[in-house]
Amino acid sequence: MIRILARAVLSLLANAVALVVAALLLSKVRCRSASVGSSSPSWCSP
């Protein structure tokens, strides 16, 4: 029972990390595409 719970928790953590990484990558891509324009957004980190 403990092993099943541990696997579920680890899988949830892995999914959360993957979502965070994907969100960061998307924000960087959006920032680059926005920086090509006239002005870069304030939320864009250098």
C-alpha atoms as a PDB file:
ATOM      1  CA  MET A   1       0.000   0.000   0.000  1.00  0.00           C
ATOM      2  CA  ILE A   2       2.786   2.430   0.896  1.00  0.00           C
ATOM      3  CA  ARG A   3       4.602   1.679  -2.362  1.00  0.00           C
ATOM      4  CA  ILE A   4       1.480   2.434  -4.388  1.00  0.00           C
ATOM      5  CA  LEU A   5       1.024   5.750  -2.592  1.00  0.00           C
ATOM      6  CA  ALA A   6       4.701   6.594  -3.038  1.00  0.00           C
ATOM      7  CA  ARG A   7       4.479   5.887  -6.773  1.00  0.00           C
ATOM      8  CA  ALA A   8       1.360   8.043  -7.068  1.00  0.00           C
ATOM      9  CA  VAL A   9       3.027  10.918  -5.212  1.00  0.00           C
ATOM     10  CA  LEU A  10       6.180  10.656  -7.316  1.00  0.00           C
ATOM     11  CA  SER A  11       4.170  10.614 -10.533  1.00  0.00           C
ATOM     12  CA  LEU A  12       2.206  13.681  -9.412  1.00  0.00           C
ATOM     13  CA  LEU A  13       5.425  15.501  -8.538  1.00  0.00           C
ATOM     14  CA  ALA A  14       6.949  14.595 -11.899  1.00  0.00           C
ATOM     15  CA  ASN A  15       3.850  15.876 -13.702  1.00  0.00           C
ATOM     16  CA  ALA A  16       3.932  19.115 -11.705  1.00  0.00           C
ATOM     17  CA  VAL A  17       7.622  19.654 -12.509  1.00  0.00           C
ATOM     18  CA  ALA A  18       6.974  18.960 -16.191  1.00  0.00           C
ATOM     19  CA  LEU A  19       4.115  21.475 -16.216  1.00  0.00           C
ATOM     20  CA  VAL A  20       6.262  24.137 -14.539  1.00  0.00           C
ATOM     21  CA  VAL A  21       9.126  23.561 -16.993  1.00  0.00           C
ATOM     22  CA  ALA A  22       6.729  23.708 -19.946  1.00  0.00           C
ATOM     23  CA  ALA A  23       5.196  26.936 -18.610  1.00  0.00           C
ATOM     24  CA  LEU A  24       8.636  28.511 -18.189  1.00  0.00           C
ATOM     25  CA  LEU A  25       9.660  27.504 -21.703  1.00  0.00           C
ATOM     26  CA  LEU A  26       6.422  28.898 -23.137  1.00  0.00           C
ATOM     27  CA  SER A  27       6.915  32.168 -21.267  1.00  0.00           C
ATOM     28  CA  LYS A  28      10.465  32.442 -22.633  1.00  0.00           C
ATOM     29  CA  VAL A  29       9.264  31.799 -26.180  1.00  0.00           C
ATOM     30  CA  ARG A  30       6.485  34.350 -25.790  1.00  0.00           C
ATOM     31  CA  CYS A  31       8.962  36.828 -24.357  1.00  0.00           C
ATOM     32  CA  ARG A  32      11.304  36.395 -27.318  1.00  0.00           C
ATOM     33  CA  SER A  33       8.480  36.732 -29.823  1.00  0.00           C
ATOM     34  CA  ALA A  34       7.215  39.830 -27.989  1.00  0.00           C
ATOM     35  CA  SER A  35      10.697  41.352 -27.740  1.00  0.00           C
ATOM     36  CA  VAL A  36      10.899  41.253 -31.541  1.00  0.00           C
ATOM     37  CA  GLY A  37       8.153  43.892 -31.543  1.00  0.00           C
ATOM     38  CA  SER A  38       8.487  47.547 -30.579  1.00  0.00           C
ATOM     39  CA  SER A  39       8.602  47.076 -26.788  1.00  0.00           C
ATOM     40  CA  SER A  40       9.092  44.069 -24.504  1.00  0.00           C
ATOM     41  CA  PRO A  41       6.467  43.370 -21.816  1.00  0.00           C
ATOM     42  CA  SER A  42       7.260  44.236 -18.209  1.00  0.00           C
ATOM     43  CA  TRP A  43       6.772  40.618 -17.032  1.00  0.00           C
ATOM     44  CA  CYS A  44       9.541  39.472 -19.370  1.00  0.00           C
ATOM     45  CA  SER A  45      12.656  38.593 -17.381  1.00  0.00           C
ATOM     46  CA  PRO A  46      16.013  39.151 -19.132  1.00  0.00           C
END
